[in-house]
Amino acid sequence: MAALLGCDDQALSRVPEQARHPWLSVATQRFGQSSALSQLLLGATLGFGMRFWDAVLALTLGALLLNGIAIAVGVIGQREGLSTAILSRWTGFGHIGSALLGLVIALSATGWFGVQTGLAGVALADVTGVLPAPVWSLGFGLAVTVIAAYGVRWMAWTAYLTVPAYLLLVLWVVFANVGDLAAAVSSAAPGPRIGLLMAVTLVVGSFVVGAAIAPDMTRFNRSSWDVVKQTVLGITAGEWVVSCAGVLLAHGLGTVDVMGAVGRSSGWIGALVVVTAGLKINDWNLYSASLGLVNFFDAVFDLRISRPQVTVVVGCAGSFLAAAGIVGQFTHFLVLLGVVFPPVAGIMIAEYYVVRRWRKEITSTRPRVPRSAPAWVPATLVIWPASAVVGELVPFGQSSVNSLVLAFGLYVSAGRLDLLQVRCRKATNRKVVGEASAA
């Protein structure tokens, strides 16, 4: 019966060695995340305002920054075998901070799940002419919910099928809509100019949330070197291949609305681009949302709930909201929500690698999870929002990098000045580890 309900995937415990996956399996899923439809649209935005090679430079610089963030945080997840929200209890946030983080992850990931589901529904309704978009959205969302409920193994097979299909479809779209590739590469930008700094900001902002919550995925890696290989291949190839396709489409079609143009001219192919793109990232949106909520209920109510059951509830809710067209109204809120994630990565990196206030506690208990953690760390609850706000407001640099570096520096300073005073260490008497079986 438990197998029929899905796979828990060690939602509250460490992933054991026997449940780890080959790096190429995880890399395929990382590439699926970093080459989503948003990256094609990002490329179109850059291509509309930049020459081709200037856009490639911006994509390369952005990929370097994203790789650095994802690797630094991802290695922590691989070593400790814990999801981002659970790991944050001993990397600067404590129980209350991790509960807030889990809730933010759940809200953000569920929102983007709904947005992608709505896009897929509209695309399928347009090309089939059968059934309205809300019905297609609901069906698509429920299908993704089943995949996410059954966990990483099902998600890996989904990536094996959809990633190659998506790439072939994108390449077909480029060759079908851009008559002269050489001319598109050498032509001037068809729209208002975008500066390099703004372009890099757009690139980093497009995937900084995925980079910051990398432990959700890298906890299934077998070594730190696997994390590096997977991240560099997944993020860099995602930015170069799919985003460059968007740049070429913008140059060839002379518009930033490349999906509208492709949809009108390519019919089923354009719809399949949207569907395969949604499938290969939306399962991870829902998966991360379920991990965040499982941690939230455990940290706040000391209540262990089933990750597959949470996935089904959240997936159904997100699907119905997408079908009703409600989620699309919150896109600006979801973008704003993304600014809170770079400081999270900065704090976790600072605590784990430099300050090490709770490093021994988490490393010495392997393969179990520590039975206690600080209830809350006041300094962190100040540094986190302050870094996010200042990073967005300062008139220089790149906002995501600004907030991450500021959070890192403030946390290290707080550690050196012994300002990381904790409040009410919380003991967990019930056993939460050693319960999970191999995936």
Protein backbone atom coordinates (compact mmCIF):
# COMPACT_ATOMS: atom_id res chain seq x y z
CA MET A 1 0.00 0.00 0.00
CA ALA A 2 2.85 2.39 0.86
CA ALA A 3 4.40 1.76 -2.57
CA LEU A 4 1.09 2.61 -4.25
CA LEU A 5 0.98 5.97 -2.47
CA GLY A 6 4.41 7.04 -3.74
CA CYS A 7 7.95 7.32 -2.40
CA ASP A 8 8.96 9.37 0.65
CA ASP A 9 12.53 9.85 -0.67
CA GLN A 10 14.01 10.49 2.80
CA ALA A 11 12.12 13.75 3.20
CA LEU A 12 13.21 14.16 6.85
CA SER A 13 16.30 11.97 6.98
CA ARG A 14 19.63 11.60 5.22
CA VAL A 15 19.74 9.86 1.86
CA PRO A 16 21.73 6.63 2.45
CA GLU A 17 24.54 5.62 0.12
CA GLN A 18 22.50 2.82 -1.44
CA ALA A 19 19.84 5.33 -2.49
CA ARG A 20 22.26 7.66 -4.29
CA HIS A 21 22.08 7.95 -8.08
CA PRO A 22 24.70 8.01 -10.88
CA TRP A 23 25.77 11.57 -11.63
CA LEU A 24 24.49 11.48 -15.21
CA SER A 25 20.99 10.66 -13.97
CA VAL A 26 20.99 13.69 -11.70
CA ALA A 27 22.71 15.81 -14.37
CA THR A 28 19.90 15.07 -16.82
CA GLN A 29 17.39 16.37 -14.31
CA ARG A 30 19.52 19.43 -13.56
CA PHE A 31 19.73 20.16 -17.26
CA GLY A 32 15.97 19.74 -17.44
CA GLN A 33 15.59 22.42 -14.77
CA SER A 34 18.10 24.88 -16.20
CA SER A 35 16.86 24.61 -19.80
CA ALA A 36 13.20 25.24 -19.10
CA LEU A 37 10.86 27.35 -21.21
CA SER A 38 11.87 30.36 -19.11
CA GLN A 39 15.43 30.02 -20.49
CA LEU A 40 14.14 30.08 -24.06
CA LEU A 41 12.19 33.24 -23.26
CA LEU A 42 15.23 34.67 -21.47
CA GLY A 43 17.29 34.11 -24.60
CA ALA A 44 14.63 35.85 -26.67
CA THR A 45 14.72 38.83 -24.30
CA LEU A 46 18.51 39.06 -24.58
CA GLY A 47 18.46 38.53 -28.34
CA PHE A 48 15.92 41.29 -28.86
CA GLY A 49 18.26 43.78 -27.18
CA MET A 50 21.77 42.42 -27.86
CA ARG A 51 23.94 41.11 -30.65
CA PHE A 52 24.35 37.33 -30.62
CA TRP A 53 27.90 37.16 -29.21
CA ASP A 54 27.15 39.83 -26.60
CA ALA A 55 24.24 37.68 -25.45
CA VAL A 56 26.51 34.61 -25.34
CA LEU A 57 28.93 36.56 -23.12
CA ALA A 58 26.10 37.51 -20.77
CA LEU A 59 24.88 33.91 -20.64
CA THR A 60 28.41 32.68 -19.91
CA LEU A 61 29.00 35.16 -17.09
CA GLY A 62 25.60 34.40 -15.61
CA ALA A 63 26.24 30.65 -15.84
CA LEU A 64 29.56 31.07 -14.01
CA LEU A 65 27.83 32.85 -11.13
CA LEU A 66 25.01 30.28 -11.01
CA ASN A 67 27.51 27.41 -11.11
CA GLY A 68 29.41 28.88 -8.17
CA ILE A 69 26.27 29.24 -6.05
CA ALA A 70 24.83 25.83 -6.98
CA ILE A 71 28.11 23.97 -6.42
CA ALA A 72 28.88 25.61 -3.06
CA VAL A 73 25.42 24.87 -1.68
CA GLY A 74 25.03 21.60 -3.56
CA VAL A 75 28.17 20.06 -2.08
CA ILE A 76 26.73 20.66 1.39
CA GLY A 77 23.59 18.78 0.36
CA GLN A 78 25.64 15.91 -1.11
CA ARG A 79 27.84 15.53 1.97
CA GLU A 80 24.98 15.62 4.43
CA GLY A 81 22.30 13.94 2.30
CA LEU A 82 19.64 16.41 3.46
CA SER A 83 17.13 18.63 1.66
CA THR A 84 17.60 22.40 1.68
CA ALA A 85 14.98 23.13 4.35
CA ILE A 86 16.12 20.39 6.75
CA LEU A 87 19.79 21.27 6.21
CA SER A 88 19.14 24.92 7.03
CA ARG A 89 18.44 24.01 10.68
CA TRP A 90 22.17 23.49 11.21
CA THR A 91 23.44 25.98 8.64
CA GLY A 92 22.42 29.19 10.33
CA PHE A 93 18.61 29.18 10.46
CA GLY A 94 17.47 26.96 13.34
CA HIS A 95 14.01 25.40 13.53
CA ILE A 96 12.03 28.61 13.10
CA GLY A 97 14.22 29.89 10.29
CA SER A 98 14.05 26.54 8.51
CA ALA A 99 10.27 26.50 8.89
CA LEU A 100 10.05 29.95 7.27
CA LEU A 101 12.42 28.86 4.52
CA GLY A 102 10.42 25.69 3.90
CA LEU A 103 7.23 27.71 3.62
CA VAL A 104 8.82 30.20 1.19
CA ILE A 105 10.16 27.34 -0.94
CA ALA A 106 6.70 25.74 -0.97
CA LEU A 107 4.97 28.97 -1.98
CA SER A 108 7.48 29.79 -4.70
CA ALA A 109 7.68 26.28 -6.18
CA THR A 110 3.91 25.73 -6.06
CA GLY A 111 3.32 29.07 -7.75
CA TRP A 112 5.68 28.29 -10.62
CA PHE A 113 4.13 24.83 -10.88
CA GLY A 114 0.78 26.52 -11.44
CA VAL A 115 2.18 28.97 -13.98
CA GLN A 116 3.81 26.21 -16.05
CA THR A 117 0.65 24.10 -15.80
CA GLY A 118 -1.46 26.97 -17.08
CA LEU A 119 0.88 27.56 -20.04
CA ALA A 120 0.73 23.88 -21.01
CA GLY A 121 -3.06 23.90 -20.85
CA VAL A 122 -3.35 26.94 -23.12
CA ALA A 123 -0.89 25.46 -25.64
CA LEU A 124 -2.73 22.13 -25.81
CA ALA A 125 -6.14 23.79 -26.12
CA ASP A 126 -4.91 26.01 -28.97
CA VAL A 127 -3.57 23.17 -31.13
CA THR A 128 -6.23 20.53 -30.44
CA GLY A 129 -9.31 22.70 -30.60
CA VAL A 130 -10.85 20.12 -28.30
CA LEU A 131 -11.73 20.92 -24.68
CA PRO A 132 -11.00 24.30 -23.07
CA ALA A 133 -7.61 25.28 -21.63
CA PRO A 134 -8.66 24.77 -17.96
CA VAL A 135 -9.39 21.09 -18.63
CA TRP A 136 -6.02 20.57 -20.28
CA SER A 137 -4.30 22.43 -17.42
CA LEU A 138 -6.00 20.23 -14.87
CA GLY A 139 -5.06 17.03 -16.70
CA PHE A 140 -1.45 18.14 -17.20
CA GLY A 141 -1.09 19.18 -13.56
CA LEU A 142 -2.48 15.91 -12.25
CA ALA A 143 -0.15 13.90 -14.49
CA VAL A 144 2.87 15.80 -13.13
CA THR A 145 1.54 15.31 -9.60
CA VAL A 146 1.62 11.53 -10.03
CA ILE A 147 5.22 11.65 -11.29
CA ALA A 148 6.37 13.85 -8.38
CA ALA A 149 4.53 11.71 -5.81
CA TYR A 150 6.48 8.63 -6.92
CA GLY A 151 9.74 10.46 -6.37
CA VAL A 152 13.15 10.87 -7.91
CA ARG A 153 13.25 7.60 -9.86
CA TRP A 154 10.09 8.43 -11.78
CA MET A 155 11.32 11.98 -12.24
CA ALA A 156 14.61 10.66 -13.64
CA TRP A 157 12.78 8.60 -16.28
CA THR A 158 10.64 11.60 -17.11
CA ALA A 159 13.82 13.60 -17.71
CA TYR A 160 15.33 10.83 -19.86
CA LEU A 161 12.30 11.04 -22.16
CA THR A 162 11.47 14.74 -22.16
CA VAL A 163 14.93 16.37 -22.21
CA PRO A 164 16.03 14.87 -25.57
CA ALA A 165 12.56 15.45 -27.01
CA TYR A 166 12.58 19.08 -25.86
CA LEU A 167 16.03 19.72 -27.34
CA LEU A 168 15.06 18.22 -30.69
CA LEU A 169 11.87 20.26 -30.75
CA VAL A 170 13.72 23.49 -29.91
CA LEU A 171 16.29 22.84 -32.65
CA TRP A 172 13.48 22.13 -35.13
CA VAL A 173 11.78 25.38 -34.17
CA VAL A 174 15.02 27.33 -34.70
CA PHE A 175 15.75 25.82 -38.13
CA ALA A 176 12.12 26.17 -39.22
CA ASN A 177 11.79 29.82 -38.20
CA VAL A 178 15.26 31.27 -38.75
CA GLY A 179 16.01 31.12 -42.44
CA ASP A 180 19.65 32.27 -42.41
CA LEU A 181 21.50 31.33 -39.22
CA ALA A 182 24.67 33.15 -40.25
CA ALA A 183 22.71 36.35 -40.77
CA ALA A 184 20.96 35.92 -37.42
CA VAL A 185 24.31 35.50 -35.66
CA SER A 186 25.83 38.59 -37.26
CA SER A 187 22.77 40.86 -37.29
CA ALA A 188 22.16 43.79 -34.98
CA ALA A 189 19.64 43.53 -32.15
CA PRO A 190 16.12 44.18 -33.44
CA GLY A 191 14.96 45.99 -30.28
CA PRO A 192 16.14 48.52 -27.69
CA ARG A 193 19.66 47.85 -26.43
CA ILE A 194 20.21 45.86 -23.23
CA GLY A 195 23.46 46.49 -21.33
CA LEU A 196 25.75 43.66 -20.26
CA LEU A 197 25.15 44.16 -16.52
CA MET A 198 21.39 44.10 -16.97
CA ALA A 199 21.70 41.00 -19.15
CA VAL A 200 23.76 39.16 -16.53
CA THR A 201 21.20 40.19 -13.91
CA LEU A 202 18.44 38.63 -16.00
CA VAL A 203 20.45 35.41 -16.48
CA VAL A 204 21.25 34.97 -12.79
CA GLY A 205 17.75 35.93 -11.72
CA SER A 206 16.22 33.34 -14.05
CA PHE A 207 17.70 30.40 -12.12
CA VAL A 208 19.00 31.70 -8.79
CA VAL A 209 16.14 30.00 -6.91
CA GLY A 210 17.06 26.64 -8.42
CA ALA A 211 20.73 27.20 -7.56
CA ALA A 212 19.95 28.19 -3.97
CA ILE A 213 17.87 25.07 -3.28
CA ALA A 214 20.35 22.74 -5.01
CA PRO A 215 20.57 20.35 -1.99
CA ASP A 216 17.07 19.07 -2.79
CA MET A 217 18.67 17.43 -5.83
CA THR A 218 22.36 17.02 -4.92
CA ARG A 219 21.57 14.96 -1.80
CA PHE A 220 21.17 12.10 -4.28
CA ASN A 221 24.71 12.54 -5.68
CA ARG A 222 27.42 10.06 -4.69
CA SER A 223 30.37 12.47 -4.42
CA SER A 224 31.25 16.16 -4.42
CA TRP A 225 32.91 15.73 -7.81
CA ASP A 226 29.60 14.41 -9.13
CA VAL A 227 27.96 17.64 -7.93
CA VAL A 228 30.53 19.70 -9.84
CA LYS A 229 30.16 17.69 -13.06
CA GLN A 230 26.38 17.66 -12.88
CA THR A 231 26.10 21.37 -12.13
CA VAL A 232 28.56 22.61 -14.75
CA LEU A 233 27.07 20.38 -17.45
CA GLY A 234 23.44 21.05 -16.51
CA ILE A 235 23.54 24.80 -15.97
CA THR A 236 26.12 25.77 -18.59
CA ALA A 237 24.64 23.60 -21.33
CA GLY A 238 21.15 24.78 -20.40
CA GLU A 239 22.12 28.42 -20.72
CA TRP A 240 24.13 27.99 -23.91
CA VAL A 241 21.90 25.62 -25.86
CA VAL A 242 18.35 26.70 -25.03
CA SER A 243 18.96 30.37 -24.29
CA CYS A 244 21.05 30.75 -27.47
CA ALA A 245 18.16 29.20 -29.37
CA GLY A 246 15.99 31.98 -27.94
CA VAL A 247 18.54 34.59 -29.04
CA LEU A 248 18.52 33.22 -32.60
CA LEU A 249 14.72 33.16 -32.69
CA ALA A 250 14.53 36.79 -31.55
CA HIS A 251 17.00 37.82 -34.27
CA GLY A 252 15.36 35.72 -36.96
CA LEU A 253 11.76 36.65 -36.13
CA GLY A 254 12.46 40.22 -35.04
CA THR A 255 10.29 39.91 -31.93
CA VAL A 256 10.63 39.13 -28.25
CA ASP A 257 7.35 37.17 -28.38
CA VAL A 258 9.00 34.13 -29.92
CA MET A 259 6.57 31.62 -28.42
CA GLY A 260 3.62 33.50 -29.88
CA ALA A 261 5.25 33.49 -33.31
CA VAL A 262 6.28 29.85 -33.01
CA GLY A 263 2.82 28.84 -31.84
CA ARG A 264 1.16 30.53 -34.80
CA SER A 265 3.53 28.99 -37.34
CA SER A 266 4.42 25.61 -35.85
CA GLY A 267 1.16 24.31 -34.36
CA TRP A 268 1.73 21.00 -32.63
CA ILE A 269 5.51 21.47 -32.49
CA GLY A 270 5.15 24.72 -30.57
CA ALA A 271 2.68 23.10 -28.19
CA LEU A 272 4.97 20.12 -27.61
CA VAL A 273 7.84 22.52 -26.79
CA VAL A 274 5.69 23.98 -24.01
CA VAL A 275 4.50 20.57 -22.77
CA THR A 276 7.92 18.89 -22.69
CA ALA A 277 9.44 21.98 -21.07
CA GLY A 278 6.73 21.92 -18.40
CA LEU A 279 7.05 18.21 -17.73
CA LYS A 280 10.78 18.26 -17.14
CA ILE A 281 10.76 21.13 -14.65
CA ASN A 282 7.31 21.03 -13.09
CA ASP A 283 7.87 17.73 -11.32
CA TRP A 284 10.83 19.33 -9.52
CA ASN A 285 8.77 22.41 -8.67
CA LEU A 286 6.22 20.18 -6.98
CA TYR A 287 8.89 17.98 -5.41
CA SER A 288 10.68 20.91 -3.76
CA ALA A 289 7.34 22.32 -2.60
CA SER A 290 6.53 19.02 -0.87
CA LEU A 291 9.93 18.89 0.84
CA GLY A 292 9.49 22.45 2.09
CA LEU A 293 6.04 21.71 3.54
CA VAL A 294 7.14 18.43 5.17
CA ASN A 295 9.91 20.36 6.93
CA PHE A 296 7.48 23.14 7.91
CA PHE A 297 5.07 20.78 9.66
CA ASP A 298 7.91 18.91 11.34
CA ALA A 299 9.63 22.07 12.58
CA VAL A 300 6.52 23.93 13.72
CA PHE A 301 4.14 21.20 14.87
CA ASP A 302 6.58 18.31 15.46
CA LEU A 303 4.37 16.41 13.02
CA ARG A 304 5.78 14.00 10.46
CA ILE A 305 3.59 13.88 7.37
CA SER A 306 3.91 11.85 4.20
CA ARG A 307 5.76 13.58 1.37
CA PRO A 308 3.74 11.77 -1.35
CA GLN A 309 0.47 12.74 0.32
CA VAL A 310 1.61 16.37 0.58
CA THR A 311 2.59 16.22 -3.09
CA VAL A 312 -0.87 15.01 -4.08
CA VAL A 313 -2.62 17.71 -2.04
CA VAL A 314 -0.37 20.52 -3.29
CA GLY A 315 -0.39 19.22 -6.86
CA CYS A 316 -4.17 19.03 -6.97
CA ALA A 317 -4.50 22.51 -5.45
CA GLY A 318 -1.96 23.98 -7.88
CA SER A 319 -3.67 22.27 -10.83
CA PHE A 320 -7.10 23.61 -9.89
CA LEU A 321 -5.69 27.11 -9.38
CA ALA A 322 -3.96 26.93 -12.76
CA ALA A 323 -7.19 25.74 -14.40
CA ALA A 324 -9.03 28.65 -12.80
CA GLY A 325 -6.42 31.09 -14.10
CA ILE A 326 -5.67 32.38 -10.60
CA VAL A 327 -1.96 31.53 -10.41
CA GLY A 328 -1.11 33.73 -13.39
CA GLN A 329 -2.22 36.77 -11.40
CA PHE A 330 0.59 36.18 -8.90
CA THR A 331 3.53 36.04 -11.31
CA HIS A 332 4.93 39.38 -10.10
CA PHE A 333 4.67 38.16 -6.50
CA LEU A 334 6.56 34.98 -7.43
CA VAL A 335 9.33 37.03 -9.04
CA LEU A 336 9.51 39.21 -5.92
CA LEU A 337 9.61 36.08 -3.74
CA GLY A 338 12.72 34.99 -5.61
CA VAL A 339 14.81 37.78 -4.07
CA VAL A 340 14.84 36.02 -0.69
CA PHE A 341 16.77 32.99 -1.94
CA PRO A 342 20.28 34.37 -2.70
CA PRO A 343 20.85 35.43 0.96
CA VAL A 344 19.85 31.92 2.03
CA ALA A 345 22.68 30.48 -0.02
CA GLY A 346 25.10 33.09 1.38
CA ILE A 347 24.19 32.24 4.99
CA MET A 348 24.39 28.48 4.46
CA ILE A 349 27.79 28.75 2.74
CA ALA A 350 29.11 31.04 5.47
CA GLU A 351 27.98 28.78 8.31
CA TYR A 352 29.06 25.46 6.82
CA TYR A 353 32.44 26.45 5.39
CA VAL A 354 33.61 29.40 7.53
CA VAL A 355 31.82 29.97 10.84
CA ARG A 356 31.08 26.27 11.57
CA ARG A 357 29.03 26.96 14.67
CA TRP A 358 26.97 23.78 14.09
CA ARG A 359 29.25 22.02 11.58
CA LYS A 360 30.49 19.39 14.05
CA GLU A 361 26.99 18.67 15.27
CA ILE A 362 25.74 17.82 11.81
CA THR A 363 28.83 15.98 10.56
CA SER A 364 29.45 13.89 13.69
CA THR A 365 25.97 12.35 13.68
CA ARG A 366 26.15 10.80 10.20
CA PRO A 367 24.30 8.74 9.05
CA ARG A 368 21.70 9.93 11.54
CA VAL A 369 20.18 13.40 11.82
CA PRO A 370 21.05 15.39 14.97
CA ARG A 371 18.35 15.12 17.62
CA SER A 372 18.50 18.82 18.45
CA ALA A 373 18.94 22.16 16.73
CA PRO A 374 18.65 25.80 17.78
CA ALA A 375 15.02 26.88 17.85
CA TRP A 376 15.98 30.18 16.24
CA VAL A 377 19.02 32.34 15.55
CA PRO A 378 18.04 36.04 15.92
CA ALA A 379 21.01 37.33 13.94
CA THR A 380 20.03 35.22 10.92
CA LEU A 381 16.45 36.47 11.00
CA VAL A 382 17.85 40.01 10.67
CA ILE A 383 20.60 39.28 8.15
CA TRP A 384 18.32 37.33 5.80
CA PRO A 385 15.72 40.04 4.98
CA ALA A 386 18.19 42.91 5.33
CA SER A 387 20.52 41.38 2.73
CA ALA A 388 17.64 40.73 0.34
CA VAL A 389 16.40 44.32 0.54
CA VAL A 390 19.81 46.00 0.36
CA GLY A 391 20.94 43.70 -2.45
CA GLU A 392 17.95 44.77 -4.53
CA LEU A 393 18.24 48.48 -3.76
CA VAL A 394 21.95 49.25 -4.17
CA PRO A 395 22.52 50.97 -7.53
CA PHE A 396 25.56 48.93 -8.57
CA GLY A 397 26.55 45.33 -9.14
CA GLN A 398 24.18 42.41 -9.72
CA SER A 399 21.31 42.24 -7.22
CA SER A 400 21.33 38.48 -6.56
CA VAL A 401 25.10 38.43 -6.14
CA ASN A 402 24.97 41.59 -4.00
CA SER A 403 22.50 40.05 -1.57
CA LEU A 404 24.36 36.72 -1.42
CA VAL A 405 27.74 38.37 -0.76
CA LEU A 406 26.22 40.73 1.79
CA ALA A 407 24.53 37.88 3.66
CA PHE A 408 27.77 35.89 3.61
CA GLY A 409 29.79 38.84 4.96
CA LEU A 410 27.28 39.78 7.64
CA TYR A 411 26.94 36.20 8.87
CA VAL A 412 30.71 35.69 9.02
CA SER A 413 31.04 38.98 10.91
CA ALA A 414 28.30 37.95 13.33
CA GLY A 415 30.12 34.69 13.91
CA ARG A 416 33.45 36.41 14.54
CA LEU A 417 31.81 38.86 16.96
CA ASP A 418 29.99 36.03 18.75
CA LEU A 419 26.59 37.47 17.85
CA LEU A 420 25.11 34.14 16.78
CA GLN A 421 23.32 33.65 20.06
CA VAL A 422 20.65 30.96 19.87
CA ARG A 423 17.32 30.84 21.60
CA CYS A 424 15.81 27.75 23.21
CA ARG A 425 17.59 24.76 21.78
CA LYS A 426 14.95 22.30 20.72
CA ALA A 427 15.38 18.58 21.39
CA THR A 428 13.70 16.02 19.20
CA ASN A 429 12.96 12.89 21.16
CA ARG A 430 11.25 10.93 18.47
CA LYS A 431 13.39 9.01 16.05
CA VAL A 432 13.35 10.51 12.56
CA VAL A 433 16.34 8.79 11.01
CA GLY A 434 17.15 5.32 9.96
CA GLU A 435 13.50 4.99 8.91
CA ALA A 436 13.93 5.57 5.22
CA SER A 437 14.71 2.80 2.81
CA ALA A 438 16.60 3.08 -0.43
CA ALA A 439 14.71 4.80 -3.15
